[in-house]
N, C-alpha and C. Protein backbone atom coordinates (compact mmCIF):
# COMPACT_ATOMS: atom_id res chain seq x y z
N MET A 1 0.86 -1.17 0.00
CA MET A 1 0.00 0.00 0.00
C MET A 1 0.90 1.23 0.00
N PRO A 2 0.91 2.01 -1.06
CA PRO A 2 1.78 3.18 -1.13
C PRO A 2 1.32 4.30 -0.20
N MET A 3 2.14 5.33 -0.11
CA MET A 3 1.79 6.49 0.71
C MET A 3 0.44 7.04 0.27
N ASN A 4 -0.37 7.37 1.24
CA ASN A 4 -1.69 7.94 0.99
C ASN A 4 -1.55 9.45 0.89
N ASN A 5 -2.01 10.03 -0.21
CA ASN A 5 -1.93 11.48 -0.40
C ASN A 5 -3.25 12.19 -0.18
N THR A 6 -4.27 11.44 0.19
CA THR A 6 -5.61 12.00 0.33
C THR A 6 -6.10 11.87 1.76
N PHE A 7 -6.66 12.95 2.27
CA PHE A 7 -7.26 12.89 3.61
C PHE A 7 -8.51 12.03 3.56
N ALA A 8 -8.72 11.24 4.61
CA ALA A 8 -9.87 10.34 4.68
C ALA A 8 -11.17 11.12 4.62
N GLU A 9 -12.11 10.62 3.84
CA GLU A 9 -13.44 11.23 3.78
C GLU A 9 -14.14 11.09 5.13
N ILE A 10 -14.01 9.89 5.70
CA ILE A 10 -14.61 9.59 7.01
C ILE A 10 -13.49 9.04 7.89
N GLU A 11 -13.29 9.67 9.03
CA GLU A 11 -12.22 9.19 9.91
C GLU A 11 -12.68 7.94 10.65
N PRO A 12 -11.76 6.99 10.85
CA PRO A 12 -12.13 5.81 11.63
C PRO A 12 -12.36 6.20 13.08
N SER A 13 -13.07 5.37 13.80
CA SER A 13 -13.28 5.63 15.22
C SER A 13 -12.05 5.18 16.00
N ARG A 14 -11.92 5.67 17.20
CA ARG A 14 -10.80 5.25 18.05
C ARG A 14 -10.91 3.76 18.34
N ALA A 15 -12.12 3.26 18.50
CA ALA A 15 -12.32 1.83 18.75
C ALA A 15 -11.81 0.99 17.57
N GLU A 16 -12.03 1.47 16.34
CA GLU A 16 -11.54 0.76 15.16
C GLU A 16 -10.01 0.74 15.14
N ILE A 17 -9.40 1.85 15.48
CA ILE A 17 -7.93 1.92 15.52
C ILE A 17 -7.40 0.99 16.61
N ASP A 18 -7.99 1.06 17.79
CA ASP A 18 -7.53 0.24 18.91
C ASP A 18 -7.68 -1.25 18.63
N ALA A 19 -8.69 -1.63 17.83
CA ALA A 19 -8.95 -3.04 17.54
C ALA A 19 -8.15 -3.55 16.34
N SER A 20 -7.46 -2.66 15.66
CA SER A 20 -6.72 -3.05 14.46
C SER A 20 -5.57 -3.96 14.82
N GLY A 21 -5.46 -5.06 14.13
CA GLY A 21 -4.36 -5.98 14.35
C GLY A 21 -3.16 -5.67 13.48
N GLU A 22 -3.37 -4.84 12.45
CA GLU A 22 -2.29 -4.53 11.53
C GLU A 22 -1.59 -3.23 11.94
N PRO A 23 -0.30 -3.11 11.63
CA PRO A 23 0.39 -1.85 11.89
C PRO A 23 -0.23 -0.74 11.04
N VAL A 24 -0.28 0.44 11.60
CA VAL A 24 -0.86 1.58 10.88
C VAL A 24 -0.16 2.86 11.29
N LEU A 25 -0.03 3.76 10.33
CA LEU A 25 0.49 5.10 10.57
C LEU A 25 -0.67 6.06 10.38
N ILE A 26 -0.97 6.83 11.42
CA ILE A 26 -2.01 7.84 11.32
C ILE A 26 -1.32 9.19 11.27
N GLU A 27 -1.64 9.95 10.25
CA GLU A 27 -1.08 11.29 10.05
C GLU A 27 -2.20 12.31 10.28
N PHE A 28 -2.07 13.10 11.33
CA PHE A 28 -3.03 14.17 11.60
C PHE A 28 -2.50 15.48 11.06
N GLY A 29 -3.35 16.22 10.37
CA GLY A 29 -2.94 17.50 9.82
C GLY A 29 -4.09 18.16 9.10
N ALA A 30 -3.75 19.03 8.18
CA ALA A 30 -4.74 19.73 7.36
C ALA A 30 -4.10 20.03 6.01
N PRO A 31 -4.89 20.01 4.93
CA PRO A 31 -4.31 20.22 3.60
C PRO A 31 -3.70 21.61 3.40
N TRP A 32 -4.16 22.59 4.14
CA TRP A 32 -3.65 23.96 4.00
C TRP A 32 -2.47 24.26 4.93
N CYS A 33 -2.11 23.32 5.80
CA CYS A 33 -1.05 23.51 6.79
C CYS A 33 0.33 23.45 6.13
N GLY A 34 1.11 24.52 6.25
CA GLY A 34 2.44 24.56 5.67
C GLY A 34 3.38 23.51 6.24
N HIS A 35 3.30 23.25 7.54
CA HIS A 35 4.14 22.21 8.15
C HIS A 35 3.78 20.83 7.59
N CYS A 36 2.49 20.61 7.38
CA CYS A 36 2.02 19.33 6.84
C CYS A 36 2.51 19.16 5.40
N GLN A 37 2.43 20.21 4.62
CA GLN A 37 2.88 20.16 3.24
C GLN A 37 4.39 19.89 3.17
N ALA A 38 5.14 20.52 4.06
CA ALA A 38 6.60 20.33 4.08
C ALA A 38 6.98 18.90 4.46
N ALA A 39 6.15 18.25 5.26
CA ALA A 39 6.45 16.88 5.72
C ALA A 39 6.16 15.82 4.66
N GLN A 40 5.44 16.16 3.61
CA GLN A 40 5.03 15.15 2.63
C GLN A 40 6.21 14.49 1.93
N ALA A 41 7.22 15.24 1.56
CA ALA A 41 8.39 14.66 0.91
C ALA A 41 9.14 13.73 1.87
N LEU A 42 9.22 14.12 3.14
CA LEU A 42 9.87 13.27 4.15
C LEU A 42 9.11 11.97 4.33
N LEU A 43 7.79 12.08 4.40
CA LEU A 43 6.96 10.88 4.53
C LEU A 43 7.11 9.96 3.32
N ALA A 44 7.08 10.54 2.15
CA ALA A 44 7.20 9.73 0.93
C ALA A 44 8.52 8.97 0.91
N LYS A 45 9.59 9.65 1.30
CA LYS A 45 10.91 9.00 1.32
C LYS A 45 10.93 7.85 2.32
N ALA A 46 10.43 8.07 3.53
CA ALA A 46 10.44 7.04 4.56
C ALA A 46 9.49 5.90 4.24
N LEU A 47 8.32 6.22 3.72
CA LEU A 47 7.32 5.18 3.44
C LEU A 47 7.65 4.35 2.21
N ALA A 48 8.59 4.81 1.39
CA ALA A 48 8.98 4.04 0.20
C ALA A 48 9.47 2.64 0.57
N ASN A 49 10.03 2.50 1.76
CA ASN A 49 10.53 1.21 2.22
C ASN A 49 9.46 0.37 2.93
N TYR A 50 8.25 0.89 3.05
CA TYR A 50 7.17 0.20 3.75
C TYR A 50 5.89 0.22 2.91
N PRO A 51 5.94 -0.36 1.71
CA PRO A 51 4.77 -0.28 0.82
C PRO A 51 3.54 -1.00 1.35
N GLN A 52 3.70 -1.92 2.28
CA GLN A 52 2.58 -2.69 2.81
C GLN A 52 1.89 -2.00 3.99
N LEU A 53 2.47 -0.94 4.52
CA LEU A 53 1.95 -0.28 5.70
C LEU A 53 0.69 0.53 5.39
N ARG A 54 -0.32 0.40 6.22
CA ARG A 54 -1.54 1.20 6.09
C ARG A 54 -1.25 2.60 6.60
N HIS A 55 -1.49 3.61 5.77
CA HIS A 55 -1.24 5.01 6.10
C HIS A 55 -2.56 5.75 5.98
N ILE A 56 -3.03 6.32 7.09
CA ILE A 56 -4.30 7.04 7.11
C ILE A 56 -4.02 8.51 7.38
N LYS A 57 -4.48 9.38 6.49
CA LYS A 57 -4.36 10.83 6.67
C LYS A 57 -5.70 11.32 7.23
N ILE A 58 -5.64 11.98 8.37
CA ILE A 58 -6.85 12.49 9.02
C ILE A 58 -6.77 14.02 9.07
N GLU A 59 -7.76 14.67 8.49
CA GLU A 59 -7.84 16.12 8.61
C GLU A 59 -8.32 16.43 10.02
N ASP A 60 -7.49 17.14 10.75
CA ASP A 60 -7.77 17.42 12.16
C ASP A 60 -8.26 18.85 12.33
N GLY A 61 -8.86 19.11 13.46
CA GLY A 61 -9.33 20.45 13.76
C GLY A 61 -10.25 20.42 14.97
N PRO A 62 -10.77 21.57 15.36
CA PRO A 62 -11.66 21.64 16.52
C PRO A 62 -12.86 20.70 16.35
N GLY A 63 -13.16 20.01 17.40
CA GLY A 63 -14.32 19.12 17.40
C GLY A 63 -14.09 17.77 16.75
N ARG A 64 -12.87 17.51 16.27
CA ARG A 64 -12.58 16.22 15.64
C ARG A 64 -12.20 15.24 16.74
N LYS A 65 -13.03 14.22 16.92
CA LYS A 65 -12.88 13.30 18.05
C LYS A 65 -11.60 12.48 18.02
N LEU A 66 -11.23 11.98 16.84
CA LEU A 66 -10.06 11.09 16.80
C LEU A 66 -8.79 11.84 17.20
N GLY A 67 -8.61 13.03 16.68
CA GLY A 67 -7.44 13.82 17.06
C GLY A 67 -7.41 14.15 18.54
N ARG A 68 -8.57 14.46 19.10
CA ARG A 68 -8.63 14.76 20.53
C ARG A 68 -8.32 13.51 21.35
N SER A 69 -8.76 12.34 20.89
CA SER A 69 -8.51 11.10 21.65
C SER A 69 -7.03 10.78 21.72
N PHE A 70 -6.26 11.26 20.73
CA PHE A 70 -4.81 11.07 20.72
C PHE A 70 -4.08 12.29 21.26
N ARG A 71 -4.82 13.29 21.72
CA ARG A 71 -4.26 14.52 22.27
C ARG A 71 -3.33 15.24 21.29
N VAL A 72 -3.77 15.32 20.05
CA VAL A 72 -3.01 16.01 19.02
C VAL A 72 -3.11 17.51 19.26
N LYS A 73 -1.97 18.18 19.29
CA LYS A 73 -1.91 19.63 19.52
C LYS A 73 -1.34 20.39 18.33
N LEU A 74 -0.34 19.81 17.65
CA LEU A 74 0.33 20.46 16.52
C LEU A 74 0.27 19.54 15.30
N TRP A 75 0.36 20.15 14.13
CA TRP A 75 0.35 19.37 12.89
C TRP A 75 1.67 19.50 12.17
N PRO A 76 2.08 18.53 11.44
CA PRO A 76 1.52 17.20 11.44
C PRO A 76 1.96 16.42 12.68
N THR A 77 1.09 15.57 13.13
CA THR A 77 1.42 14.61 14.18
C THR A 77 1.27 13.24 13.57
N LEU A 78 2.33 12.45 13.66
CA LEU A 78 2.34 11.08 13.15
C LEU A 78 2.26 10.12 14.32
N ILE A 79 1.28 9.24 14.29
CA ILE A 79 1.11 8.26 15.35
C ILE A 79 1.28 6.87 14.74
N PHE A 80 2.18 6.10 15.31
CA PHE A 80 2.52 4.78 14.81
C PHE A 80 1.86 3.75 15.74
N ILE A 81 0.97 2.94 15.17
CA ILE A 81 0.15 2.00 15.94
C ILE A 81 0.53 0.57 15.58
N LYS A 82 0.75 -0.24 16.60
CA LYS A 82 1.01 -1.67 16.40
C LYS A 82 0.09 -2.44 17.33
N GLN A 83 -0.72 -3.31 16.76
CA GLN A 83 -1.68 -4.12 17.51
C GLN A 83 -2.55 -3.24 18.41
N GLY A 84 -2.97 -2.11 17.87
CA GLY A 84 -3.88 -1.22 18.59
C GLY A 84 -3.22 -0.32 19.61
N ASN A 85 -1.90 -0.39 19.75
CA ASN A 85 -1.19 0.42 20.75
C ASN A 85 -0.22 1.39 20.07
N GLU A 86 -0.16 2.59 20.61
CA GLU A 86 0.79 3.58 20.11
C GLU A 86 2.20 3.16 20.51
N VAL A 87 3.09 3.03 19.51
CA VAL A 87 4.47 2.66 19.80
C VAL A 87 5.44 3.82 19.56
N ALA A 88 4.99 4.82 18.80
CA ALA A 88 5.83 5.99 18.54
C ALA A 88 4.95 7.15 18.10
N ARG A 89 5.49 8.36 18.29
CA ARG A 89 4.79 9.59 17.89
C ARG A 89 5.84 10.60 17.47
N LEU A 90 5.56 11.25 16.36
CA LEU A 90 6.42 12.33 15.90
C LEU A 90 5.55 13.55 15.63
N VAL A 91 5.99 14.68 16.12
CA VAL A 91 5.30 15.95 15.89
C VAL A 91 6.23 16.83 15.06
N ARG A 92 5.73 17.25 13.92
CA ARG A 92 6.51 18.06 12.97
C ARG A 92 7.89 17.46 12.72
N PRO A 93 7.92 16.26 12.14
CA PRO A 93 9.21 15.61 11.91
C PRO A 93 10.11 16.46 11.02
N ALA A 94 11.40 16.47 11.38
CA ALA A 94 12.36 17.32 10.68
C ALA A 94 13.11 16.58 9.58
N ASN A 95 13.08 15.24 9.62
CA ASN A 95 13.82 14.49 8.60
C ASN A 95 13.21 13.10 8.41
N ALA A 96 13.51 12.50 7.27
CA ALA A 96 12.97 11.19 6.93
C ALA A 96 13.53 10.10 7.84
N GLU A 97 14.75 10.32 8.36
CA GLU A 97 15.37 9.32 9.22
C GLU A 97 14.56 9.12 10.51
N ALA A 98 14.06 10.20 11.08
CA ALA A 98 13.25 10.08 12.29
C ALA A 98 11.98 9.28 12.00
N ILE A 99 11.38 9.52 10.85
CA ILE A 99 10.18 8.77 10.47
C ILE A 99 10.54 7.30 10.26
N SER A 100 11.66 7.03 9.61
CA SER A 100 12.10 5.65 9.37
C SER A 100 12.34 4.92 10.69
N GLU A 101 12.94 5.59 11.65
CA GLU A 101 13.19 4.97 12.96
C GLU A 101 11.87 4.59 13.63
N ALA A 102 10.89 5.48 13.56
CA ALA A 102 9.59 5.18 14.15
C ALA A 102 8.90 4.04 13.39
N LEU A 103 9.02 4.03 12.07
CA LEU A 103 8.44 2.95 11.27
C LEU A 103 9.06 1.61 11.63
N HIS A 104 10.35 1.62 11.89
CA HIS A 104 11.06 0.39 12.28
C HIS A 104 10.46 -0.22 13.55
N GLN A 105 9.96 0.62 14.43
CA GLN A 105 9.35 0.13 15.69
C GLN A 105 8.07 -0.66 15.42
N LEU A 106 7.47 -0.46 14.25
CA LEU A 106 6.26 -1.21 13.92
C LEU A 106 6.58 -2.65 13.55
N GLY A 107 7.84 -2.91 13.19
CA GLY A 107 8.23 -4.27 12.86
C GLY A 107 7.69 -4.77 11.54
N THR A 108 7.37 -3.86 10.62
CA THR A 108 6.84 -4.29 9.33
C THR A 108 7.93 -4.46 8.30
């Protein structure tokens, strides 16, 4: 599964994420966010080595339940989930290597 470039039309529920048995990367942000746009090239580079990883882009903002359940404060926030548990989190990643290190923790 290649990098996802589209924000989800409908965000999954926290219960769906917690029940997921597969590794997943959740990217919280907004399409107009400059920090989010700058992170896309870094994500693409890091995710190139993980084509099977499920990558969900969630447009975050006030009143968005999933982002609040993960206590997202800044964008982009990357949450790395393995067997329903958060194993790593990056906020405004500065380089692809940091993303790759977090992806490695997923064991995919």
